């Protein structure tokens, strides 16, 4: 199983939390809460 760093931040433009994986370009998810963004990424 691989382990990746996930960065979660608030996007004013999207009005949502964004979860991004720097090691995987283009791999991102969003949600209304930081937990939802993380859940949507998985």
Protein backbone atom coordinates (compact mmCIF):
# COMPACT_ATOMS: atom_id res chain seq x y z
CA UNK A 1 0.00 0.00 0.00
CA UNK A 2 1.38 3.40 -0.98
CA UNK A 3 1.28 6.39 1.33
CA UNK A 4 0.89 9.92 0.03
CA UNK A 5 0.83 13.37 1.59
CA UNK A 6 -2.60 15.01 1.26
CA UNK A 7 -2.86 18.78 1.56
CA UNK A 8 -6.28 20.18 2.44
CA UNK A 9 -7.01 23.89 2.05
CA UNK A 10 -9.93 26.28 1.61
CA UNK A 11 -10.47 27.67 -1.91
CA UNK A 12 -12.21 31.04 -2.03
CA UNK A 13 -12.73 30.64 -5.79
CA UNK A 14 -14.51 27.29 -5.40
CA UNK A 15 -16.02 28.02 -1.96
CA UNK A 16 -14.95 24.51 -0.95
CA UNK A 17 -12.17 22.61 0.77
CA UNK A 18 -9.69 21.07 -1.68
CA UNK A 19 -7.67 17.90 -0.98
CA UNK A 20 -4.60 17.59 -3.23
CA UNK A 21 -1.80 15.02 -3.48
CA UNK A 22 1.40 16.81 -4.60
CA UNK A 23 3.06 13.54 -5.72
CA UNK A 24 0.14 12.80 -8.07
CA UNK A 25 -0.39 15.80 -10.38
CA UNK A 26 -4.05 16.40 -11.11
CA UNK A 27 -5.20 14.23 -8.22
CA UNK A 28 -7.60 16.35 -6.17
CA UNK A 29 -11.07 16.30 -4.64
CA UNK A 30 -13.33 18.91 -3.07
CA UNK A 31 -16.02 19.07 -0.42
CA UNK A 32 -18.02 21.36 1.85
CA UNK A 33 -15.89 20.28 4.83
CA UNK A 34 -12.29 19.12 5.13
CA UNK A 35 -13.56 15.65 6.07
CA UNK A 36 -15.79 15.50 2.98
CA UNK A 37 -12.89 16.55 0.72
CA UNK A 38 -10.72 13.80 2.20
CA UNK A 39 -13.50 11.23 1.86
CA UNK A 40 -14.10 12.17 -1.78
CA UNK A 41 -10.37 11.75 -2.54
CA UNK A 42 -10.30 8.18 -1.32
